[in-house]
Every structure is written in structure tokens, then in C-alpha cells.
Protein backbone atom coordinates (compact mmCIF):
# COMPACT_ATOMS: atom_id res chain seq x y z
CA MET A 1 0.00 0.00 0.00
CA THR A 2 1.00 3.59 -0.54
CA THR A 3 0.81 6.55 1.79
CA LEU A 4 -2.63 7.31 3.25
CA ILE A 5 -4.50 9.88 1.19
CA HIS A 6 -7.58 11.74 2.39
CA PRO A 7 -9.91 11.66 -0.60
CA ASP A 8 -11.40 14.84 -1.99
CA ARG A 9 -13.07 15.96 -5.22
CA ARG A 10 -9.74 15.91 -7.05
CA PHE A 11 -9.17 12.29 -5.97
CA LEU A 12 -12.75 11.40 -6.98
CA PHE A 13 -12.15 12.45 -10.58
CA ALA A 14 -8.52 11.29 -10.83
CA HIS A 15 -9.49 7.79 -12.01
CA PRO A 16 -12.76 6.16 -13.15
CA ALA A 17 -12.29 3.50 -10.45
CA HIS A 18 -12.30 6.19 -7.76
CA PHE A 19 -15.50 7.72 -9.14
CA LEU A 20 -17.26 4.35 -9.02
CA ALA A 21 -15.79 3.15 -5.72
CA LEU A 22 -16.72 6.43 -4.03
CA GLY A 23 -20.32 6.02 -5.18
CA PHE A 24 -20.27 8.97 -7.60
CA GLY A 25 -19.00 11.18 -4.77
CA SER A 26 -21.35 10.04 -2.00
CA GLY A 27 -18.40 8.44 -0.20
CA LEU A 28 -16.95 11.92 0.34
CA MET A 29 -20.00 13.03 2.35
CA ARG A 30 -19.77 13.22 6.13
CA PRO A 31 -20.81 11.94 8.53
CA ALA A 32 -21.48 8.26 7.77
CA PRO A 33 -20.31 7.88 4.15
CA GLY A 34 -21.65 4.30 4.08
CA THR A 35 -25.14 5.59 4.75
CA TRP A 36 -24.80 8.19 2.00
CA GLY A 37 -23.56 5.48 -0.35
CA THR A 38 -26.51 3.27 0.53
CA LEU A 39 -28.87 6.16 -0.25
CA VAL A 40 -27.46 6.31 -3.81
CA ALA A 41 -29.16 2.98 -4.53
CA LEU A 42 -32.65 4.36 -3.85
CA PRO A 43 -32.96 6.71 -6.84
CA LEU A 44 -31.09 4.22 -9.04
CA ALA A 45 -33.59 1.48 -8.19
CA TRP A 46 -36.52 3.86 -8.46
CA LEU A 47 -35.43 4.88 -11.98
CA TRP A 48 -34.84 1.23 -12.90
CA PHE A 49 -38.36 0.23 -11.89
CA ARG A 50 -39.93 3.47 -13.19
CA PHE A 51 -38.68 2.70 -16.69
CA GLY A 52 -39.87 -0.90 -16.64
CA GLY A 53 -36.87 -2.81 -15.31
CA SER A 54 -37.68 -6.09 -13.60
CA PRO A 55 -36.45 -7.20 -10.18
CA PHE A 56 -34.89 -10.31 -11.72
CA LEU A 57 -32.88 -8.26 -14.23
CA LEU A 58 -31.75 -5.89 -11.47
CA VAL A 59 -30.38 -8.87 -9.52
CA LEU A 60 -28.57 -10.01 -12.68
CA LEU A 61 -27.24 -6.50 -13.24
CA CYS A 62 -25.71 -6.62 -9.77
CA LEU A 63 -23.32 -9.35 -10.99
CA PRO A 64 -21.34 -7.05 -13.31
CA PHE A 65 -21.76 -4.24 -10.74
CA PHE A 66 -20.05 -6.56 -8.24
CA GLY A 67 -17.19 -7.27 -10.67
CA LEU A 68 -16.73 -3.59 -11.51
CA GLY A 69 -16.92 -2.77 -7.82
CA ALA A 70 -14.26 -5.33 -6.93
CA TRP A 71 -11.94 -3.78 -9.51
CA ALA A 72 -12.76 -0.20 -8.45
CA ALA A 73 -12.40 -0.99 -4.74
CA ARG A 74 -9.03 -2.67 -5.31
CA VAL A 75 -7.66 0.24 -7.36
CA THR A 76 -9.05 2.85 -4.99
CA SER A 77 -7.92 1.14 -1.79
CA ARG A 78 -4.40 0.90 -3.23
CA SER A 79 -4.46 4.58 -4.12
CA LEU A 80 -5.69 5.48 -0.64
CA GLY A 81 -3.25 3.19 1.14
CA VAL A 82 -6.04 1.61 3.19
CA HIS A 83 -7.99 -1.59 2.65
CA ASP A 84 -11.73 -0.79 2.67
CA HIS A 85 -11.43 2.92 3.43
CA GLY A 86 -14.74 4.33 4.68
CA CYS A 87 -15.17 6.43 1.55
CA ILE A 88 -15.39 3.29 -0.64
CA VAL A 89 -19.16 2.86 -0.81
CA TRP A 90 -19.91 1.08 -4.10
CA ASP A 91 -20.30 -2.10 -2.03
CA GLU A 92 -23.18 -0.43 -0.16
CA VAL A 93 -24.76 0.67 -3.44
CA VAL A 94 -24.70 -2.87 -4.86
CA GLY A 95 -25.87 -4.44 -1.61
CA MET A 96 -28.80 -2.06 -1.34
CA LEU A 97 -29.73 -2.58 -5.00
CA LEU A 98 -29.96 -6.31 -4.25
CA VAL A 99 -32.21 -5.61 -1.27
CA LEU A 100 -34.48 -3.33 -3.31
CA ALA A 101 -34.73 -5.91 -6.10
CA LEU A 102 -35.82 -8.64 -3.68
CA ILE A 103 -38.37 -6.86 -1.46
CA PRO A 104 -41.70 -5.19 -2.34
CA GLY A 105 -41.43 -1.82 -4.06
CA ASP A 106 -43.47 0.31 -1.66
CA TRP A 107 -41.90 3.12 0.39
CA LEU A 108 -42.43 1.40 3.77
CA SER A 109 -40.68 -1.77 2.58
CA TRP A 110 -37.82 0.25 1.12
CA CYS A 111 -37.41 2.19 4.38
CA MET A 112 -37.38 -1.02 6.40
CA GLY A 113 -34.94 -2.62 3.95
CA PHE A 114 -32.68 0.44 4.19
CA VAL A 115 -32.63 0.38 8.01
CA LEU A 116 -32.05 -3.38 8.19
CA PHE A 117 -29.27 -3.23 5.62
CA ARG A 118 -27.50 -0.39 7.44
CA LEU A 119 -27.74 -2.28 10.75
CA PHE A 120 -26.27 -5.44 9.22
CA ASP A 121 -23.55 -3.44 7.47
CA ILE A 122 -22.60 -1.49 10.59
CA PHE A 123 -22.66 -4.29 13.18
CA LYS A 124 -21.52 -7.11 10.86
CA PRO A 125 -22.91 -10.15 12.70
CA TRP A 126 -21.86 -13.64 11.64
CA PRO A 127 -21.47 -14.57 8.76
CA ILE A 128 -20.89 -11.01 7.52
CA ARG A 129 -17.96 -10.51 9.91
CA TRP A 130 -16.38 -13.80 8.73
CA PHE A 131 -16.40 -12.65 5.09
CA ASP A 132 -15.13 -9.21 6.11
CA ASP A 133 -12.21 -10.80 7.99
CA HIS A 134 -11.31 -13.61 5.58
CA VAL A 135 -11.91 -12.41 2.02
CA HIS A 136 -9.38 -9.81 0.92
CA GLY A 137 -8.85 -7.46 -1.99
CA GLY A 138 -11.60 -5.79 -3.98
CA ALA A 139 -13.86 -8.84 -3.80
CA GLY A 140 -13.48 -8.83 -0.03
CA ILE A 141 -14.59 -5.21 0.15
CA MET A 142 -17.69 -6.09 -1.89
CA ILE A 143 -18.71 -9.50 -0.52
CA ASP A 144 -19.64 -8.59 3.05
CA ASP A 145 -22.26 -6.14 1.76
CA VAL A 146 -23.72 -8.77 -0.55
CA VAL A 147 -24.02 -11.14 2.43
CA ALA A 148 -25.57 -8.28 4.43
CA ALA A 149 -28.08 -7.77 1.60
CA PHE A 150 -29.18 -11.40 1.66
CA LEU A 151 -29.50 -11.39 5.46
CA THR A 152 -31.51 -8.18 5.19
CA VAL A 153 -33.89 -9.83 2.74
CA LEU A 154 -34.26 -12.92 4.95
CA VAL A 155 -35.09 -10.84 8.03
CA PHE A 156 -37.38 -8.60 6.00
CA LEU A 157 -39.30 -11.60 4.64
CA ALA A 158 -39.60 -13.13 8.12
CA VAL A 159 -40.96 -9.89 9.57
CA HIS A 160 -43.21 -9.42 6.54
CA ARG A 161 -44.61 -12.92 7.02
CA TRP A 162 -45.20 -12.61 10.75
CA LEU A 163 -46.31 -8.99 10.85
CA PRO A 164 -48.23 -8.60 7.55
CA TYR A 165 -50.56 -5.90 8.85
CA PHE A 166 -47.62 -3.44 8.78
CA PHE A 167 -47.23 -3.90 5.03
């Protein structure tokens, strides 16, 4: 790794990988850049569904987004001199897109999915923590948020099943 760099707008536009990894600039926002990065997924998903995109195709689209994110996270973390710097938020964007593709499309469901995803991403219970600790490089930066997305969906579906009058 190189010397630690504090990212700014100049860093954001210095390389396409930085622009993607920093979630189009949302990773520069303070406080809680991961939350800002997660919020980026909401208008992206809304536009996707507004223009007729299907949930299944959005899940499939997350596959190349994961690959691009792994590359961008690797390049950006090397440039920053830190593995999984807090400003790298493309993993949150992809994780939240997965959540939004797999839960109902109403605002209450999206709010609940957002809160659950942030809780899983922040606290990293097992197995999220295991992936975060054992998978390295760009894929490692991305994978824990994908696992958090699937756990979010599982909890969401369980709550939705047992408390249907809220939805």
C-alpha cells in the first residue's frame, strides 16, 4: 500500500475506479459515508423500476456491478493506502440494489430494507464478519455487503410474514 490519502473531489475524478468506488461522490459526504452510499441505490432502483426494469434483471445487473466494484475498490484502496477505506461505498450501493430488487417496491418496505441493511452493514454479525475478515482485496470489500443484503432480505421476509398488517 501507498501513503494514506484523504480523498477529496480531485481524488474522486482522478481515475474512473475512484469515481465508481466512491459512489459517484457520495463516499466523500460526512458523517457516515456508508449511509450516504446506501442512499445512492434508492434513486437508481426507483429509476430502474420506473422505466420498466424487472427485479430479476436488477439482480442479474448486480453481478457485473459486483465485478466492476471489486476492480474499483481494489484500485481505490491501493491509491488510498487503506484496505476498505470508509469512503469506498460502491459495495453499499450494490448491496442495497440487491435488497431493493428482492423486497416489495413500496416506500415502507424500502425504508425497512434500508434500516435493516445499514444495521447489518454497521454491526456485521456472523457470517458477515467472517467474510469481512477472511476475504481480501476488492472482492473482499464487496462480498460482506452482498451477504448483508441477503441477510436483510431474509429478516425482512420473516418480519413481513409474521407482521403482515404493517405492510
